[in-house]
Amino acid sequence: MLFSIGYLGLTPQQLIDALQEYEIELLIDVRSSPRSKFPAFNSENIAPILIENEIEYKWHGDRLGGRSKIEDSALVSLIEIQREKVVCIMCMESVIKNCHRYYEIGQRLLNNHAIEVSHIKVKPPKKLKNTLSEERRIIEPVPICSIVLNTGDQTRLL
Protein backbone atom coordinates (compact mmCIF):
# COMPACT_ATOMS: atom_id res chain seq x y z
CA MET A 1 0.00 0.00 0.00
CA LEU A 2 1.29 3.45 -0.90
CA PHE A 3 0.57 6.72 0.88
CA SER A 4 1.81 10.29 0.58
CA ILE A 5 2.29 13.07 3.13
CA GLY A 6 3.56 16.64 3.24
CA TYR A 7 5.05 17.91 6.49
CA LEU A 8 4.52 21.67 6.05
CA GLY A 9 2.77 22.96 9.19
CA LEU A 10 3.45 19.79 11.18
CA THR A 11 5.76 19.07 14.07
CA PRO A 12 7.91 15.93 13.88
CA GLN A 13 5.59 14.33 16.45
CA GLN A 14 2.50 15.10 14.37
CA LEU A 15 4.22 13.49 11.39
CA ILE A 16 5.04 10.40 13.47
CA ASP A 17 1.46 10.23 14.80
CA ALA A 18 0.02 10.38 11.28
CA LEU A 19 2.42 7.70 10.00
CA GLN A 20 1.62 5.44 12.95
CA GLU A 21 -2.12 5.95 12.42
CA TYR A 22 -1.71 4.31 8.98
CA GLU A 23 0.82 1.74 10.17
CA ILE A 24 3.50 3.09 7.85
CA GLU A 25 6.58 0.86 7.92
CA LEU A 26 8.79 2.84 5.54
CA LEU A 27 8.94 6.58 4.88
CA ILE A 28 10.55 7.41 1.55
CA ASP A 29 11.75 10.99 1.41
CA VAL A 30 11.24 12.25 -2.16
CA ARG A 31 12.57 15.76 -1.63
CA SER A 32 15.28 16.62 -4.16
CA SER A 33 17.52 17.41 -1.21
CA PRO A 34 17.07 15.78 2.21
CA ARG A 35 17.30 19.20 3.86
CA SER A 36 14.60 21.65 4.88
CA LYS A 37 14.16 25.27 5.88
CA PHE A 38 12.66 23.60 8.96
CA PRO A 39 15.76 21.93 10.50
CA ALA A 40 13.71 19.36 12.45
CA PHE A 41 12.93 17.76 9.06
CA ASN A 42 16.52 17.55 7.82
CA SER A 43 17.28 13.88 7.21
CA GLU A 44 19.88 13.73 9.99
CA ASN A 45 17.24 14.95 12.47
CA ILE A 46 14.06 13.20 11.31
CA ALA A 47 15.56 9.78 10.45
CA PRO A 48 16.58 8.92 14.05
CA ILE A 49 13.15 9.95 15.37
CA LEU A 50 11.44 7.77 12.77
CA ILE A 51 13.68 4.82 13.59
CA GLU A 52 12.97 5.28 17.33
CA ASN A 53 9.31 4.91 16.41
CA GLU A 54 9.93 1.79 14.32
CA ILE A 55 9.51 3.54 10.97
CA GLU A 56 12.28 2.95 8.45
CA TYR A 57 13.59 6.01 6.57
CA LYS A 58 15.09 6.17 3.08
CA TRP A 59 15.94 9.14 0.88
CA HIS A 60 15.11 8.62 -2.81
CA GLY A 61 15.12 12.25 -3.89
CA ASP A 62 17.90 11.57 -6.36
CA ARG A 63 15.49 9.35 -8.34
CA LEU A 64 12.05 10.60 -7.25
CA GLY A 65 12.72 14.25 -6.40
CA GLY A 66 10.82 17.14 -7.93
CA ARG A 67 13.93 18.63 -9.53
CA SER A 68 15.00 15.40 -11.23
CA LYS A 69 13.59 13.69 -14.30
CA ILE A 70 11.68 10.81 -12.78
CA GLU A 71 12.38 7.73 -14.85
CA ASP A 72 9.81 4.96 -15.11
CA SER A 73 12.38 2.60 -13.58
CA ALA A 74 12.25 4.67 -10.35
CA LEU A 75 8.47 4.28 -10.27
CA VAL A 76 8.74 0.53 -10.90
CA SER A 77 11.21 0.32 -7.99
CA LEU A 78 8.70 2.17 -5.78
CA ILE A 79 5.97 -0.26 -6.84
CA GLU A 80 8.15 -3.21 -5.87
CA ILE A 81 8.97 -1.71 -2.46
CA GLN A 82 5.29 -1.01 -1.66
CA ARG A 83 4.39 -4.63 -2.37
CA GLU A 84 6.48 -5.66 0.64
CA LYS A 85 5.76 -2.85 3.11
CA VAL A 86 3.26 -0.10 3.89
CA VAL A 87 5.08 2.86 2.35
CA CYS A 88 4.59 6.61 2.52
CA ILE A 89 6.36 9.08 0.26
CA MET A 90 7.12 12.44 1.88
CA CYS A 91 7.89 15.94 0.68
CA MET A 92 7.42 19.33 2.33
CA GLU A 93 4.33 20.51 0.41
CA SER A 94 1.12 19.75 2.32
CA VAL A 95 -1.23 20.74 -0.53
CA ILE A 96 -0.95 17.60 -2.61
CA LYS A 97 -1.95 19.14 -5.94
CA ASN A 98 0.94 21.63 -5.58
CA CYS A 99 3.53 18.86 -5.24
CA HIS A 100 5.34 16.53 -7.61
CA ARG A 101 4.06 13.64 -5.44
CA TYR A 102 0.72 14.23 -7.20
CA TYR A 103 1.52 15.01 -10.82
CA GLU A 104 4.89 13.30 -11.25
CA ILE A 105 4.48 10.27 -9.02
CA GLY A 106 0.80 9.73 -8.15
CA GLN A 107 -0.70 10.42 -11.57
CA ARG A 108 1.96 8.39 -13.39
CA LEU A 109 1.56 5.44 -11.01
CA LEU A 110 -2.21 5.51 -11.51
CA ASN A 111 -2.20 6.05 -15.28
CA ASN A 112 0.71 3.79 -16.21
CA HIS A 113 0.65 1.10 -13.50
CA ALA A 114 -2.87 1.20 -11.94
CA ILE A 115 -1.34 1.93 -8.50
CA GLU A 116 -3.32 4.36 -6.33
CA VAL A 117 -1.54 6.63 -3.90
CA SER A 118 -3.59 7.95 -0.95
CA HIS A 119 -2.62 11.27 0.59
CA ILE A 120 -2.59 11.50 4.38
CA LYS A 121 -4.03 14.89 5.24
CA VAL A 122 -3.44 16.04 8.78
CA LYS A 123 -5.96 18.65 9.81
CA PRO A 124 -4.88 21.22 12.40
CA PRO A 125 -6.39 20.82 15.85
CA LYS A 126 -9.75 22.52 16.40
CA LYS A 127 -9.93 25.38 18.86
CA LEU A 128 -11.88 24.63 22.01
CA LYS A 129 -12.36 27.53 24.42
CA ASN A 130 -9.24 29.25 23.02
CA THR A 131 -7.06 26.19 23.53
CA LEU A 132 -5.79 23.64 21.03
CA SER A 133 -6.53 20.04 21.85
CA GLU A 134 -4.35 17.28 20.37
CA GLU A 135 -7.19 14.81 20.95
CA ARG A 136 -9.32 16.72 18.41
CA ARG A 137 -6.79 16.27 15.60
CA ILE A 138 -8.32 14.42 12.67
CA ILE A 139 -6.23 12.36 10.28
CA GLU A 140 -7.87 11.13 7.11
CA PRO A 141 -6.50 9.66 3.88
CA VAL A 142 -7.43 11.37 0.63
CA PRO A 143 -6.77 9.48 -2.61
CA ILE A 144 -4.31 11.58 -4.59
CA CYS A 145 -5.93 10.94 -7.92
CA SER A 146 -9.60 11.27 -7.02
CA ILE A 147 -10.29 13.91 -4.38
CA VAL A 148 -13.93 14.43 -3.33
CA LEU A 149 -14.85 17.86 -2.03
CA ASN A 150 -18.00 18.10 0.08
CA THR A 151 -19.23 21.68 0.35
CA GLY A 152 -22.45 21.14 2.25
CA ASP A 153 -25.21 20.60 -0.30
CA GLN A 154 -22.81 19.67 -3.12
CA THR A 155 -20.20 16.96 -3.55
CA ARG A 156 -17.64 17.43 -6.32
CA LEU A 157 -14.94 15.15 -7.70
CA LEU A 158 -11.72 17.13 -8.21
C-alpha atoms as a PDB file:
ATOM      1  CA  MET A   1       0.000   0.000   0.000  1.00  0.00           C
ATOM      2  CA  LEU A   2       1.287   3.448  -0.902  1.00  0.00           C
ATOM      3  CA  PHE A   3       0.574   6.719   0.882  1.00  0.00           C
ATOM      4  CA  SER A   4       1.806  10.295   0.576  1.00  0.00           C
ATOM      5  CA  ILE A   5       2.289  13.071   3.127  1.00  0.00           C
ATOM      6  CA  GLY A   6       3.562  16.644   3.244  1.00  0.00           C
ATOM      7  CA  TYR A   7       5.048  17.911   6.491  1.00  0.00           C
ATOM      8  CA  LEU A   8       4.516  21.668   6.053  1.00  0.00           C
ATOM      9  CA  GLY A   9       2.766  22.959   9.185  1.00  0.00           C
ATOM     10  CA  LEU A  10       3.451  19.785  11.185  1.00  0.00           C
ATOM     11  CA  THR A  11       5.758  19.068  14.073  1.00  0.00           C
ATOM     12  CA  PRO A  12       7.908  15.934  13.877  1.00  0.00           C
ATOM     13  CA  GLN A  13       5.589  14.331  16.454  1.00  0.00           C
ATOM     14  CA  GLN A  14       2.499  15.104  14.369  1.00  0.00           C
ATOM     15  CA  LEU A  15       4.222  13.495  11.394  1.00  0.00           C
ATOM     16  CA  ILE A  16       5.040  10.400  13.471  1.00  0.00           C
ATOM     17  CA  ASP A  17       1.463  10.231  14.800  1.00  0.00           C
ATOM     18  CA  ALA A  18       0.022  10.380  11.282  1.00  0.00           C
ATOM     19  CA  LEU A  19       2.420   7.702  10.005  1.00  0.00           C
ATOM     20  CA  GLN A  20       1.615   5.442  12.952  1.00  0.00           C
ATOM     21  CA  GLU A  21      -2.121   5.952  12.417  1.00  0.00           C
ATOM     22  CA  TYR A  22      -1.715   4.314   8.981  1.00  0.00           C
ATOM     23  CA  GLU A  23       0.819   1.739  10.172  1.00  0.00           C
ATOM     24  CA  ILE A  24       3.502   3.094   7.852  1.00  0.00           C
ATOM     25  CA  GLU A  25       6.584   0.864   7.924  1.00  0.00           C
ATOM     26  CA  LEU A  26       8.788   2.841   5.536  1.00  0.00           C
ATOM     27  CA  LEU A  27       8.937   6.583   4.880  1.00  0.00           C
ATOM     28  CA  ILE A  28      10.554   7.411   1.548  1.00  0.00           C
ATOM     29  CA  ASP A  29      11.755  10.989   1.408  1.00  0.00           C
ATOM     30  CA  VAL A  30      11.237  12.253  -2.158  1.00  0.00           C
ATOM     31  CA  ARG A  31      12.566  15.757  -1.626  1.00  0.00           C
ATOM     32  CA  SER A  32      15.279  16.616  -4.160  1.00  0.00           C
ATOM     33  CA  SER A  33      17.517  17.409  -1.208  1.00  0.00           C
ATOM     34  CA  PRO A  34      17.069  15.777   2.213  1.00  0.00           C
ATOM     35  CA  ARG A  35      17.304  19.203   3.857  1.00  0.00           C
ATOM     36  CA  SER A  36      14.601  21.650   4.881  1.00  0.00           C
ATOM     37  CA  LYS A  37      14.155  25.265   5.877  1.00  0.00           C
ATOM     38  CA  PHE A  38      12.663  23.595   8.961  1.00  0.00           C
ATOM     39  CA  PRO A  39      15.756  21.930  10.501  1.00  0.00           C
ATOM     40  CA  ALA A  40      13.712  19.363  12.446  1.00  0.00           C
ATOM     41  CA  PHE A  41      12.929  17.762   9.063  1.00  0.00           C
ATOM     42  CA  ASN A  42      16.518  17.550   7.819  1.00  0.00           C
ATOM     43  CA  SER A  43      17.280  13.881   7.209  1.00  0.00           C
ATOM     44  CA  GLU A  44      19.876  13.734   9.989  1.00  0.00           C
ATOM     45  CA  ASN A  45      17.239  14.951  12.466  1.00  0.00           C
ATOM     46  CA  ILE A  46      14.057  13.205  11.306  1.00  0.00           C
ATOM     47  CA  ALA A  47      15.563   9.785  10.454  1.00  0.00           C
ATOM     48  CA  PRO A  48      16.584   8.917  14.053  1.00  0.00           C
ATOM     49  CA  ILE A  49      13.151   9.948  15.370  1.00  0.00           C
ATOM     50  CA  LEU A  50      11.437   7.771  12.770  1.00  0.00           C
ATOM     51  CA  ILE A  51      13.685   4.818  13.586  1.00  0.00           C
ATOM     52  CA  GLU A  52      12.969   5.282  17.329  1.00  0.00           C
ATOM     53  CA  ASN A  53       9.306   4.908  16.413  1.00  0.00           C
ATOM     54  CA  GLU A  54       9.931   1.790  14.321  1.00  0.00           C
ATOM     55  CA  ILE A  55       9.506   3.536  10.966  1.00  0.00           C
ATOM     56  CA  GLU A  56      12.277   2.947   8.453  1.00  0.00           C
ATOM     57  CA  TYR A  57      13.589   6.014   6.567  1.00  0.00           C
ATOM     58  CA  LYS A  58      15.087   6.171   3.076  1.00  0.00           C
ATOM     59  CA  TRP A  59      15.940   9.139   0.883  1.00  0.00           C
ATOM     60  CA  HIS A  60      15.111   8.617  -2.813  1.00  0.00           C
ATOM     61  CA  GLY A  61      15.125  12.254  -3.888  1.00  0.00           C
ATOM     62  CA  ASP A  62      17.903  11.569  -6.364  1.00  0.00           C
ATOM     63  CA  ARG A  63      15.488   9.347  -8.339  1.00  0.00           C
ATOM     64  CA  LEU A  64      12.055  10.599  -7.246  1.00  0.00           C
ATOM     65  CA  GLY A  65      12.723  14.246  -6.396  1.00  0.00           C
ATOM     66  CA  GLY A  66      10.825  17.137  -7.925  1.00  0.00           C
ATOM     67  CA  ARG A  67      13.925  18.625  -9.533  1.00  0.00           C
ATOM     68  CA  SER A  68      15.000  15.404 -11.234  1.00  0.00           C
ATOM     69  CA  LYS A  69      13.595  13.694 -14.298  1.00  0.00           C
ATOM     70  CA  ILE A  70      11.680  10.812 -12.783  1.00  0.00           C
ATOM     71  CA  GLU A  71      12.380   7.730 -14.850  1.00  0.00           C
ATOM     72  CA  ASP A  72       9.805   4.957 -15.109  1.00  0.00           C
ATOM     73  CA  SER A  73      12.377   2.595 -13.578  1.00  0.00           C
ATOM     74  CA  ALA A  74      12.253   4.665 -10.354  1.00  0.00           C
ATOM     75  CA  LEU A  75       8.469   4.284 -10.266  1.00  0.00           C
ATOM     76  CA  VAL A  76       8.740   0.535 -10.895  1.00  0.00           C
ATOM     77  CA  SER A  77      11.206   0.316  -7.995  1.00  0.00           C
ATOM     78  CA  LEU A  78       8.704   2.167  -5.776  1.00  0.00           C
ATOM     79  CA  ILE A  79       5.965  -0.261  -6.840  1.00  0.00           C
ATOM     80  CA  GLU A  80       8.148  -3.215  -5.866  1.00  0.00           C
ATOM     81  CA  ILE A  81       8.969  -1.715  -2.464  1.00  0.00           C
ATOM     82  CA  GLN A  82       5.295  -1.008  -1.656  1.00  0.00           C
ATOM     83  CA  ARG A  83       4.390  -4.629  -2.374  1.00  0.00           C
ATOM     84  CA  GLU A  84       6.480  -5.661   0.643  1.00  0.00           C
ATOM     85  CA  LYS A  85       5.757  -2.849   3.113  1.00  0.00           C
ATOM     86  CA  VAL A  86       3.263  -0.102   3.891  1.00  0.00           C
ATOM     87  CA  VAL A  87       5.080   2.863   2.352  1.00  0.00           C
ATOM     88  CA  CYS A  88       4.586   6.608   2.521  1.00  0.00           C
ATOM     89  CA  ILE A  89       6.359   9.085   0.261  1.00  0.00           C
ATOM     90  CA  MET A  90       7.120  12.439   1.876  1.00  0.00           C
ATOM     91  CA  CYS A  91       7.888  15.941   0.677  1.00  0.00           C
ATOM     92  CA  MET A  92       7.418  19.331   2.326  1.00  0.00           C
ATOM     93  CA  GLU A  93       4.329  20.513   0.405  1.00  0.00           C
ATOM     94  CA  SER A  94       1.124  19.748   2.318  1.00  0.00           C
ATOM     95  CA  VAL A  95      -1.231  20.740  -0.528  1.00  0.00           C
ATOM     96  CA  ILE A  96      -0.948  17.602  -2.613  1.00  0.00           C
ATOM     97  CA  LYS A  97      -1.954  19.140  -5.936  1.00  0.00           C
ATOM     98  CA  ASN A  98       0.935  21.628  -5.580  1.00  0.00           C
ATOM     99  CA  CYS A  99       3.526  18.855  -5.242  1.00  0.00           C
ATOM    100  CA  HIS A 100       5.344  16.525  -7.608  1.00  0.00           C
ATOM    101  CA  ARG A 101       4.060  13.642  -5.441  1.00  0.00           C
ATOM    102  CA  TYR A 102       0.718  14.228  -7.195  1.00  0.00           C
ATOM    103  CA  TYR A 103       1.522  15.012 -10.817  1.00  0.00           C
ATOM    104  CA  GLU A 104       4.895  13.304 -11.255  1.00  0.00           C
ATOM    105  CA  ILE A 105       4.481  10.266  -9.016  1.00  0.00           C
ATOM    106  CA  GLY A 106       0.799   9.732  -8.147  1.00  0.00           C
ATOM    107  CA  GLN A 107      -0.696  10.420 -11.567  1.00  0.00           C
ATOM    108  CA  ARG A 108       1.960   8.393 -13.390  1.00  0.00           C
ATOM    109  CA  LEU A 109       1.562   5.441 -11.014  1.00  0.00           C
ATOM    110  CA  LEU A 110      -2.212   5.511 -11.507  1.00  0.00           C
ATOM    111  CA  ASN A 111      -2.196   6.047 -15.280  1.00  0.00           C
ATOM    112  CA  ASN A 112       0.711   3.789 -16.211  1.00  0.00           C
ATOM    113  CA  HIS A 113       0.647   1.104 -13.496  1.00  0.00           C
ATOM    114  CA  ALA A 114      -2.868   1.201 -11.935  1.00  0.00           C
ATOM    115  CA  ILE A 115      -1.340   1.929  -8.498  1.00  0.00           C
ATOM    116  CA  GLU A 116      -3.317   4.363  -6.334  1.00  0.00           C
ATOM    117  CA  VAL A 117      -1.535   6.631  -3.897  1.00  0.00           C
ATOM    118  CA  SER A 118      -3.586   7.948  -0.951  1.00  0.00           C
ATOM    119  CA  HIS A 119      -2.620  11.266   0.589  1.00  0.00           C
ATOM    120  CA  ILE A 120      -2.593  11.500   4.377  1.00  0.00           C
ATOM    121  CA  LYS A 121      -4.028  14.887   5.240  1.00  0.00           C
ATOM    122  CA  VAL A 122      -3.435  16.044   8.783  1.00  0.00           C
ATOM    123  CA  LYS A 123      -5.959  18.652   9.814  1.00  0.00           C
ATOM    124  CA  PRO A 124      -4.879  21.217  12.400  1.00  0.00           C
ATOM    125  CA  PRO A 125      -6.394  20.816  15.853  1.00  0.00           C
ATOM    126  CA  LYS A 126      -9.749  22.523  16.402  1.00  0.00           C
ATOM    127  CA  LYS A 127      -9.931  25.384  18.864  1.00  0.00           C
ATOM    128  CA  LEU A 128     -11.880  24.632  22.013  1.00  0.00           C
ATOM    129  CA  LYS A 129     -12.358  27.531  24.421  1.00  0.00           C
ATOM    130  CA  ASN A 130      -9.245  29.252  23.019  1.00  0.00           C
ATOM    131  CA  THR A 131      -7.059  26.187  23.527  1.00  0.00           C
ATOM    132  CA  LEU A 132      -5.789  23.642  21.031  1.00  0.00           C
ATOM    133  CA  SER A 133      -6.534  20.040  21.847  1.00  0.00           C
ATOM    134  CA  GLU A 134      -4.347  17.279  20.374  1.00  0.00           C
ATOM    135  CA  GLU A 135      -7.185  14.807  20.949  1.00  0.00           C
ATOM    136  CA  ARG A 136      -9.320  16.719  18.412  1.00  0.00           C
ATOM    137  CA  ARG A 137      -6.790  16.275  15.599  1.00  0.00           C
ATOM    138  CA  ILE A 138      -8.317  14.417  12.666  1.00  0.00           C
ATOM    139  CA  ILE A 139      -6.233  12.362  10.276  1.00  0.00           C
ATOM    140  CA  GLU A 140      -7.875  11.134   7.110  1.00  0.00           C
ATOM    141  CA  PRO A 141      -6.499   9.663   3.884  1.00  0.00           C
ATOM    142  CA  VAL A 142      -7.429  11.367   0.635  1.00  0.00           C
ATOM    143  CA  PRO A 143      -6.775   9.477  -2.609  1.00  0.00           C
ATOM    144  CA  ILE A 144      -4.313  11.585  -4.593  1.00  0.00           C
ATOM    145  CA  CYS A 145      -5.929  10.935  -7.922  1.00  0.00           C
ATOM    146  CA  SER A 146      -9.603  11.270  -7.024  1.00  0.00           C
ATOM    147  CA  ILE A 147     -10.292  13.906  -4.379  1.00  0.00           C
ATOM    148  CA  VAL A 148     -13.933  14.429  -3.334  1.00  0.00           C
ATOM    149  CA  LEU A 149     -14.851  17.862  -2.033  1.00  0.00           C
ATOM    150  CA  ASN A 150     -18.001  18.097   0.078  1.00  0.00           C
ATOM    151  CA  THR A 151     -19.234  21.679   0.347  1.00  0.00           C
ATOM    152  CA  GLY A 152     -22.451  21.145   2.253  1.00  0.00           C
ATOM    153  CA  ASP A 153     -25.207  20.600  -0.296  1.00  0.00           C
ATOM    154  CA  GLN A 154     -22.812  19.668  -3.116  1.00  0.00           C
ATOM    155  CA  THR A 155     -20.203  16.961  -3.555  1.00  0.00           C
ATOM    156  CA  ARG A 156     -17.638  17.426  -6.325  1.00  0.00           C
ATOM    157  CA  LEU A 157     -14.944  15.152  -7.697  1.00  0.00           C
ATOM    158  CA  LEU A 158     -11.718  17.135  -8.212  1.00  0.00           C
END
